[in-house]
C-alpha atoms as a PDB file:
ATOM      1  CA  MET A   1     118.215  98.836 110.917  1.00  0.00           C
ATOM      2  CA  PRO A   2     114.845 100.557 110.931  1.00  0.00           C
ATOM      3  CA  ILE A   3     112.484 101.907 108.301  1.00  0.00           C
ATOM      4  CA  TYR A   4     111.017 104.679 108.333  1.00  0.00           C
ATOM      5  CA  GLU A   5     107.745 105.671 105.462  1.00  0.00           C
ATOM      6  CA  TYR A   6     107.667 108.862 103.291  1.00  0.00           C
ATOM      7  CA  TYR A   7     105.275 111.342 100.940  1.00  0.00           C
ATOM      8  CA  CYS A   8     106.251 113.249  98.797  1.00  0.00           C
ATOM      9  CA  ALA A   9     103.970 115.703  97.896  1.00  0.00           C
ATOM     10  CA  ASN A  10     105.049 116.722  94.778  1.00  0.00           C
ATOM     11  CA  CYS A  11     104.992 113.030  93.748  1.00  0.00           C
ATOM     12  CA  ARG A  12     101.509 111.793  95.740  1.00  0.00           C
ATOM     13  CA  LYS A  13     103.728 108.118  95.821  1.00  0.00           C
ATOM     14  CA  GLU A  14     104.749 107.099  99.387  1.00  0.00           C
ATOM     15  CA  PHE A  15     107.936 105.378  99.769  1.00  0.00           C
ATOM     16  CA  GLU A  16     110.827 103.164 102.633  1.00  0.00           C
ATOM     17  CA  VAL A  17     114.136 104.759 103.550  1.00  0.00           C
ATOM     18  CA  MET A  18     116.185 101.824 105.880  1.00  0.00           C
ATOM     19  CA  ARG A  19     118.361 104.843 108.400  1.00  0.00           C
ATOM     20  CA  PRO A  20     120.937 104.659 111.020  1.00  0.00           C
ATOM     21  CA  PHE A  21     119.093 105.396 114.259  1.00  0.00           C
ATOM     22  CA  ARG A  22     121.145 108.538 114.917  1.00  0.00           C
ATOM     23  CA  GLU A  23     119.043 109.624 111.127  1.00  0.00           C
ATOM     24  CA  SER A  24     115.419 109.185 112.084  1.00  0.00           C
ATOM     25  CA  ASP A  25     114.766 112.670 112.726  1.00  0.00           C
ATOM     26  CA  ALA A  26     116.925 113.890 108.834  1.00  0.00           C
ATOM     27  CA  PRO A  27     114.213 114.822 106.389  1.00  0.00           C
ATOM     28  CA  GLY A  28     113.822 112.223 104.043  1.00  0.00           C
ATOM     29  CA  LYS A  29     115.032 112.517  99.623  1.00  0.00           C
ATOM     30  CA  CYS A  30     112.795 111.940  97.347  1.00  0.00           C
ATOM     31  CA  PRO A  31     112.827 109.437  94.946  1.00  0.00           C
ATOM     32  CA  THR A  32     111.871 110.288  92.005  1.00  0.00           C
ATOM     33  CA  CYS A  33     112.106 114.272  91.910  1.00  0.00           C
ATOM     34  CA  GLY A  34     114.760 114.656  94.880  1.00  0.00           C
ATOM     35  CA  ALA A  35     112.301 117.117  97.971  1.00  0.00           C
ATOM     36  CA  GLU A  36     113.096 117.330 100.982  1.00  0.00           C
ATOM     37  CA  VAL A  37     110.549 115.402 102.668  1.00  0.00           C
ATOM     38  CA  ALA A  38     109.264 114.339 106.239  1.00  0.00           C
ATOM     39  CA  LYS A  39     108.147 110.881 107.633  1.00  0.00           C
ATOM     40  CA  VAL A  40     105.112 109.918 108.087  1.00  0.00           C
ATOM     41  CA  PRO A  41     103.467 108.301 111.267  1.00  0.00           C
ATOM     42  CA  SER A  42     103.625 104.145 110.735  1.00  0.00           C
ATOM     43  CA  VAL A  43     102.573 101.078 112.364  1.00  0.00           C
ATOM     44  CA  PHE A  44     103.988  97.654 113.408  1.00  0.00           C
ATOM     45  CA  ALA A  45     104.602  95.704 110.047  1.00  0.00           C
ATOM     46  CA  SER A  46     103.193  91.452 111.827  1.00  0.00           C
ATOM     47  CA  ASN A  47     102.617  88.298 109.475  1.00  0.00           C
ATOM     48  CA  GLU A  48      99.899  87.727 111.915  1.00  0.00           C
ATOM     49  CA  GLY A  49      96.984  89.771 109.469  1.00  0.00           C
ATOM     50  CA  TYR A  50      97.064  93.215 108.923  1.00  0.00           C
ATOM     51  CA  SER A  51      94.942  93.843 112.161  1.00  0.00           C
ATOM     52  CA  VAL A  52      95.702  95.381 116.022  1.00  0.00           C
ATOM     53  CA  LYS A  53      97.483  92.702 117.738  1.00  0.00           C
ATOM     54  CA  VAL A  54      96.346  93.506 120.994  1.00  0.00           C
ATOM     55  CA  PRO A  55      98.489  91.982 124.059  1.00  0.00           C
ATOM     56  CA  HIS A  56      96.301  89.331 126.807  1.00  0.00           C
ATOM     57  CA  GLY A  57      98.138  89.544 129.279  1.00  0.00           C
ATOM     58  CA  PRO A  58     100.874  91.400 130.612  1.00  0.00           C
ATOM     59  CA  ALA A  59     104.398  91.551 128.789  1.00  0.00           C
ATOM     60  CA  PHE A  60     106.855  88.964 128.853  1.00  0.00           C
ATOM     61  CA  ARG A  61     109.859  90.229 131.061  1.00  0.00           C
ATOM     62  CA  GLY A  62     111.733  87.600 131.191  1.00  0.00           C
ATOM     63  CA  ASN A  63     112.490  84.469 134.191  1.00  0.00           C
ATOM     64  CA  LYS A  64     111.886  86.563 137.891  1.00  0.00           C
ATOM     65  CA  SER A  65     113.947  84.110 139.758  1.00  0.00           C
END
């Protein structure tokens, strides 16, 4: 299940919610004040550090045989 990031303007807090893809467009609910909140853009997480990694070659698509 993917993790979505949200921001509550009332509490000024960021939080994450793990929910199924079918609920990805549904608004979130702040765990502190209960306000309805929208998702915020997020970036891909990686164990390679905190910078964005750009591939140096074409994407691996499996065996072409």
